[in-house]
Amino acid sequence: ATIADMDSSTILTLLPSISSAVFQEGQTNNNTKGISEVLSLVEQTGDVISTNMLPGQHPIQSIQSQFRISVSVLNAEQLQNTPLVLPQNTLEEATGVKTSEIYFYNPV
């Protein structure tokens, strides 16, 4: 089975394994090809999750040891006015760490 054949909940349960693969790849080979393959897998994961989402729905987020993923579906208006926020872990939230935000359109 490929990522495209899986449902969102199955994919989310696989994210720790993807994180482990990223870590092991970095420890053993540290090669660009392996990292780009893992990034492609994470991108495919986001694509599959987003196909079952509606614009404006709360993002699906996961924090792993080697990466964080946040999947959102936004309409054109939301793209201009809504920041995409990097997910935070409990410690970051509790200590008031400022979240990273990305805007597709720079708000004035």
N, C-alpha and C. Protein backbone atom coordinates (compact mmCIF):
# COMPACT_ATOMS: atom_id res chain seq x y z
N ALA A 1 0.84 -1.19 0.00
CA ALA A 1 0.00 0.00 0.00
C ALA A 1 0.88 1.25 0.00
N THR A 2 0.39 2.28 -0.66
CA THR A 2 1.09 3.55 -0.67
C THR A 2 0.36 4.52 0.25
N ILE A 3 0.98 5.67 0.51
CA ILE A 3 0.35 6.69 1.34
C ILE A 3 -1.02 7.05 0.80
N ALA A 4 -1.15 7.16 -0.51
CA ALA A 4 -2.41 7.55 -1.13
C ALA A 4 -3.53 6.55 -0.86
N ASP A 5 -3.19 5.32 -0.52
CA ASP A 5 -4.20 4.28 -0.25
C ASP A 5 -4.66 4.26 1.20
N MET A 6 -4.04 5.06 2.07
CA MET A 6 -4.33 5.02 3.50
C MET A 6 -5.27 6.14 3.91
N ASP A 7 -5.99 5.93 5.03
CA ASP A 7 -6.82 7.00 5.55
C ASP A 7 -5.99 7.86 6.51
N SER A 8 -6.54 9.01 6.86
CA SER A 8 -5.82 9.99 7.67
C SER A 8 -5.36 9.44 9.01
N SER A 9 -6.23 8.70 9.69
CA SER A 9 -5.87 8.20 11.02
C SER A 9 -4.72 7.19 10.93
N THR A 10 -4.70 6.36 9.90
CA THR A 10 -3.59 5.42 9.71
C THR A 10 -2.30 6.17 9.48
N ILE A 11 -2.37 7.20 8.64
CA ILE A 11 -1.17 7.99 8.35
C ILE A 11 -0.64 8.63 9.62
N LEU A 12 -1.52 9.21 10.43
CA LEU A 12 -1.08 9.87 11.66
C LEU A 12 -0.40 8.89 12.61
N THR A 13 -0.84 7.64 12.62
CA THR A 13 -0.18 6.66 13.49
C THR A 13 1.21 6.29 12.96
N LEU A 14 1.45 6.52 11.67
CA LEU A 14 2.75 6.21 11.08
C LEU A 14 3.77 7.34 11.24
N LEU A 15 3.34 8.52 11.63
CA LEU A 15 4.26 9.66 11.71
C LEU A 15 5.44 9.42 12.66
N PRO A 16 5.27 8.76 13.81
CA PRO A 16 6.47 8.48 14.63
C PRO A 16 7.50 7.62 13.89
N SER A 17 7.05 6.70 13.07
CA SER A 17 7.98 5.88 12.29
C SER A 17 8.71 6.72 11.25
N ILE A 18 8.00 7.66 10.64
CA ILE A 18 8.64 8.56 9.68
C ILE A 18 9.69 9.39 10.39
N SER A 19 9.35 9.89 11.58
CA SER A 19 10.30 10.68 12.35
C SER A 19 11.54 9.86 12.68
N SER A 20 11.34 8.61 13.06
CA SER A 20 12.46 7.73 13.38
C SER A 20 13.34 7.52 12.14
N ALA A 21 12.71 7.36 10.98
CA ALA A 21 13.47 7.17 9.74
C ALA A 21 14.29 8.42 9.42
N VAL A 22 13.72 9.60 9.66
CA VAL A 22 14.45 10.84 9.43
C VAL A 22 15.69 10.88 10.33
N PHE A 23 15.50 10.52 11.60
CA PHE A 23 16.60 10.54 12.55
C PHE A 23 17.69 9.54 12.15
N GLN A 24 17.28 8.32 11.82
CA GLN A 24 18.26 7.29 11.44
C GLN A 24 18.99 7.67 10.17
N GLU A 25 18.30 8.25 9.22
CA GLU A 25 18.93 8.67 7.97
C GLU A 25 19.99 9.73 8.25
N GLY A 26 19.66 10.66 9.14
CA GLY A 26 20.61 11.70 9.49
C GLY A 26 21.81 11.17 10.24
N GLN A 27 21.61 10.13 11.05
CA GLN A 27 22.71 9.56 11.83
C GLN A 27 23.64 8.70 10.99
N THR A 28 23.09 7.99 10.00
CA THR A 28 23.91 7.04 9.26
C THR A 28 24.49 7.62 7.97
N ASN A 29 23.64 8.18 7.13
CA ASN A 29 24.11 8.60 5.81
C ASN A 29 24.22 10.11 5.63
N ASN A 30 23.31 10.82 6.27
CA ASN A 30 23.24 12.27 6.11
C ASN A 30 23.30 12.66 4.63
N ASN A 31 22.59 11.91 3.81
CA ASN A 31 22.61 12.23 2.38
C ASN A 31 21.34 12.95 1.94
N THR A 32 21.50 13.78 0.95
CA THR A 32 20.41 14.61 0.46
C THR A 32 19.29 13.77 -0.13
N LYS A 33 19.62 12.68 -0.81
CA LYS A 33 18.59 11.84 -1.44
C LYS A 33 17.65 11.26 -0.39
N GLY A 34 18.20 10.75 0.70
CA GLY A 34 17.37 10.17 1.75
C GLY A 34 16.47 11.20 2.40
N ILE A 35 17.00 12.38 2.64
CA ILE A 35 16.22 13.44 3.25
C ILE A 35 15.12 13.89 2.31
N SER A 36 15.41 14.02 1.03
CA SER A 36 14.38 14.45 0.09
C SER A 36 13.28 13.39 -0.05
N GLU A 37 13.63 12.11 0.07
CA GLU A 37 12.62 11.05 0.03
C GLU A 37 11.69 11.15 1.23
N VAL A 38 12.26 11.43 2.40
CA VAL A 38 11.43 11.57 3.61
C VAL A 38 10.55 12.80 3.49
N LEU A 39 11.09 13.91 3.00
CA LEU A 39 10.28 15.11 2.82
C LEU A 39 9.14 14.87 1.83
N SER A 40 9.41 14.11 0.80
CA SER A 40 8.37 13.75 -0.16
C SER A 40 7.27 12.94 0.52
N LEU A 41 7.67 12.02 1.39
CA LEU A 41 6.70 11.21 2.13
C LEU A 41 5.84 12.09 3.04
N VAL A 42 6.45 13.05 3.71
CA VAL A 42 5.70 13.96 4.57
C VAL A 42 4.75 14.81 3.73
N GLU A 43 5.21 15.27 2.57
CA GLU A 43 4.35 16.05 1.67
C GLU A 43 3.15 15.22 1.21
N GLN A 44 3.39 13.97 0.82
CA GLN A 44 2.29 13.08 0.42
C GLN A 44 1.31 12.89 1.56
N THR A 45 1.85 12.78 2.78
CA THR A 45 1.00 12.62 3.96
C THR A 45 0.06 13.81 4.09
N GLY A 46 0.60 15.01 3.96
CA GLY A 46 -0.24 16.21 4.03
C GLY A 46 -1.29 16.24 2.94
N ASP A 47 -0.90 15.83 1.74
CA ASP A 47 -1.85 15.81 0.62
C ASP A 47 -3.02 14.88 0.89
N VAL A 48 -2.73 13.69 1.41
CA VAL A 48 -3.79 12.71 1.67
C VAL A 48 -4.71 13.20 2.80
N ILE A 49 -4.11 13.72 3.86
CA ILE A 49 -4.92 14.22 4.98
C ILE A 49 -5.83 15.35 4.51
N SER A 50 -5.30 16.26 3.70
CA SER A 50 -6.08 17.42 3.29
C SER A 50 -7.25 17.06 2.37
N THR A 51 -7.19 15.93 1.69
CA THR A 51 -8.30 15.56 0.79
C THR A 51 -9.58 15.30 1.56
N ASN A 52 -9.48 14.99 2.86
CA ASN A 52 -10.67 14.72 3.67
C ASN A 52 -11.06 15.90 4.55
N MET A 53 -10.49 17.07 4.28
CA MET A 53 -10.76 18.24 5.10
C MET A 53 -11.56 19.28 4.32
N LEU A 54 -12.23 20.17 5.06
CA LEU A 54 -12.98 21.26 4.47
C LEU A 54 -12.28 22.58 4.78
N PRO A 55 -12.45 23.59 3.92
CA PRO A 55 -11.86 24.89 4.21
C PRO A 55 -12.33 25.41 5.57
N GLY A 56 -11.39 25.92 6.34
CA GLY A 56 -11.72 26.48 7.65
C GLY A 56 -11.72 25.48 8.79
N GLN A 57 -11.63 24.20 8.48
CA GLN A 57 -11.59 23.18 9.53
C GLN A 57 -10.31 23.35 10.34
N HIS A 58 -10.38 23.04 11.65
CA HIS A 58 -9.18 23.13 12.47
C HIS A 58 -8.08 22.28 11.85
N PRO A 59 -6.84 22.77 11.91
CA PRO A 59 -5.74 22.00 11.30
C PRO A 59 -5.50 20.68 12.01
N ILE A 60 -5.03 19.71 11.25
CA ILE A 60 -4.58 18.44 11.81
C ILE A 60 -3.09 18.62 12.05
N GLN A 61 -2.65 18.43 13.28
CA GLN A 61 -1.26 18.69 13.62
C GLN A 61 -0.63 17.50 14.32
N SER A 62 0.66 17.36 14.13
CA SER A 62 1.42 16.32 14.82
C SER A 62 2.83 16.85 15.05
N ILE A 63 3.33 16.59 16.26
CA ILE A 63 4.70 16.98 16.61
C ILE A 63 5.48 15.71 16.84
N GLN A 64 6.55 15.55 16.06
CA GLN A 64 7.43 14.40 16.18
C GLN A 64 8.81 14.89 16.59
N SER A 65 9.69 13.98 16.92
CA SER A 65 11.02 14.40 17.38
C SER A 65 11.83 15.08 16.27
N GLN A 66 11.59 14.75 15.02
CA GLN A 66 12.39 15.29 13.93
C GLN A 66 11.66 16.29 13.04
N PHE A 67 10.35 16.42 13.19
CA PHE A 67 9.60 17.37 12.38
C PHE A 67 8.24 17.63 13.01
N ARG A 68 7.60 18.68 12.53
CA ARG A 68 6.24 19.02 12.93
C ARG A 68 5.44 19.17 11.65
N ILE A 69 4.19 18.74 11.69
CA ILE A 69 3.34 18.87 10.50
C ILE A 69 2.01 19.47 10.94
N SER A 70 1.54 20.39 10.13
CA SER A 70 0.23 21.00 10.33
C SER A 70 -0.44 21.05 8.96
N VAL A 71 -1.61 20.44 8.87
CA VAL A 71 -2.32 20.36 7.58
C VAL A 71 -3.61 21.17 7.70
N SER A 72 -3.77 22.13 6.80
CA SER A 72 -4.97 22.97 6.76
C SER A 72 -5.48 23.06 5.34
N VAL A 73 -6.77 23.31 5.22
CA VAL A 73 -7.36 23.61 3.91
C VAL A 73 -8.01 24.99 4.05
N LEU A 74 -7.57 25.91 3.21
CA LEU A 74 -8.06 27.28 3.29
C LEU A 74 -8.65 27.71 1.96
N ASN A 75 -9.70 28.54 2.03
CA ASN A 75 -10.22 29.12 0.79
C ASN A 75 -9.38 30.35 0.45
N ALA A 76 -9.65 30.99 -0.69
CA ALA A 76 -8.82 32.10 -1.16
C ALA A 76 -8.80 33.25 -0.16
N GLU A 77 -9.93 33.57 0.45
CA GLU A 77 -9.98 34.67 1.42
C GLU A 77 -9.15 34.33 2.67
N GLN A 78 -9.27 33.10 3.14
CA GLN A 78 -8.50 32.70 4.32
C GLN A 78 -7.00 32.71 4.03
N LEU A 79 -6.61 32.38 2.81
CA LEU A 79 -5.19 32.39 2.44
C LEU A 79 -4.58 33.76 2.64
N GLN A 80 -5.37 34.81 2.40
CA GLN A 80 -4.86 36.17 2.51
C GLN A 80 -4.87 36.69 3.94
N ASN A 81 -5.67 36.10 4.82
CA ASN A 81 -5.86 36.69 6.14
C ASN A 81 -5.51 35.77 7.31
N THR A 82 -5.18 34.53 7.04
CA THR A 82 -4.97 33.56 8.11
C THR A 82 -3.52 33.11 8.16
N PRO A 83 -2.86 33.29 9.31
CA PRO A 83 -1.49 32.77 9.39
C PRO A 83 -1.50 31.26 9.57
N LEU A 84 -0.52 30.60 9.00
CA LEU A 84 -0.31 29.19 9.28
C LEU A 84 0.64 29.14 10.46
N VAL A 85 0.24 28.46 11.53
CA VAL A 85 0.99 28.48 12.78
C VAL A 85 1.67 27.14 13.00
N LEU A 86 2.96 27.20 13.31
CA LEU A 86 3.72 25.99 13.61
C LEU A 86 3.20 25.38 14.91
N PRO A 87 2.88 24.09 14.92
CA PRO A 87 2.37 23.49 16.15
C PRO A 87 3.41 23.54 17.27
N GLN A 88 2.92 23.69 18.49
CA GLN A 88 3.79 23.73 19.65
C GLN A 88 3.54 22.53 20.55
N ASN A 89 4.61 22.10 21.25
CA ASN A 89 4.42 21.03 22.23
C ASN A 89 3.95 21.65 23.55
N THR A 90 3.61 20.83 24.51
CA THR A 90 3.05 21.28 25.77
C THR A 90 3.99 22.22 26.51
N LEU A 91 5.28 21.89 26.53
CA LEU A 91 6.26 22.73 27.22
C LEU A 91 6.35 24.11 26.59
N GLU A 92 6.38 24.17 25.27
CA GLU A 92 6.43 25.46 24.58
C GLU A 92 5.20 26.30 24.90
N GLU A 93 4.03 25.66 24.91
CA GLU A 93 2.80 26.38 25.23
C GLU A 93 2.83 26.89 26.66
N ALA A 94 3.25 26.02 27.60
CA ALA A 94 3.25 26.37 29.02
C ALA A 94 4.23 27.49 29.34
N THR A 95 5.35 27.55 28.63
CA THR A 95 6.35 28.57 28.92
C THR A 95 6.18 29.83 28.07
N GLY A 96 5.15 29.86 27.24
CA GLY A 96 4.83 31.06 26.48
C GLY A 96 5.75 31.33 25.30
N VAL A 97 6.34 30.29 24.74
CA VAL A 97 7.19 30.47 23.56
C VAL A 97 6.33 31.03 22.42
N LYS A 98 6.82 32.08 21.79
CA LYS A 98 6.08 32.68 20.67
C LYS A 98 6.03 31.71 19.51
N THR A 99 4.85 31.53 18.96
CA THR A 99 4.70 30.60 17.83
C THR A 99 5.20 31.23 16.54
N SER A 100 5.72 30.41 15.66
CA SER A 100 6.11 30.86 14.33
C SER A 100 4.88 30.89 13.45
N GLU A 101 4.74 31.95 12.68
CA GLU A 101 3.60 32.10 11.79
C GLU A 101 4.08 32.36 10.37
N ILE A 102 3.35 31.82 9.41
CA ILE A 102 3.65 32.03 8.00
C ILE A 102 2.40 32.60 7.36
N TYR A 103 2.57 33.69 6.63
CA TYR A 103 1.47 34.28 5.87
C TYR A 103 1.76 34.08 4.39
N PHE A 104 0.72 33.70 3.64
CA PHE A 104 0.87 33.62 2.18
C PHE A 104 0.77 35.02 1.59
N TYR A 105 0.10 35.89 2.31
CA TYR A 105 -0.06 37.26 1.89
C TYR A 105 0.34 38.11 3.07
N ASN A 106 1.26 39.03 2.87
CA ASN A 106 1.77 39.84 3.97
C ASN A 106 0.70 40.83 4.41
N PRO A 107 0.12 40.64 5.61
CA PRO A 107 -0.93 41.56 6.07
C PRO A 107 -0.35 42.94 6.39
N VAL A 108 -1.11 43.97 6.10
CA VAL A 108 -0.63 45.33 6.36
C VAL A 108 -1.21 45.85 7.65
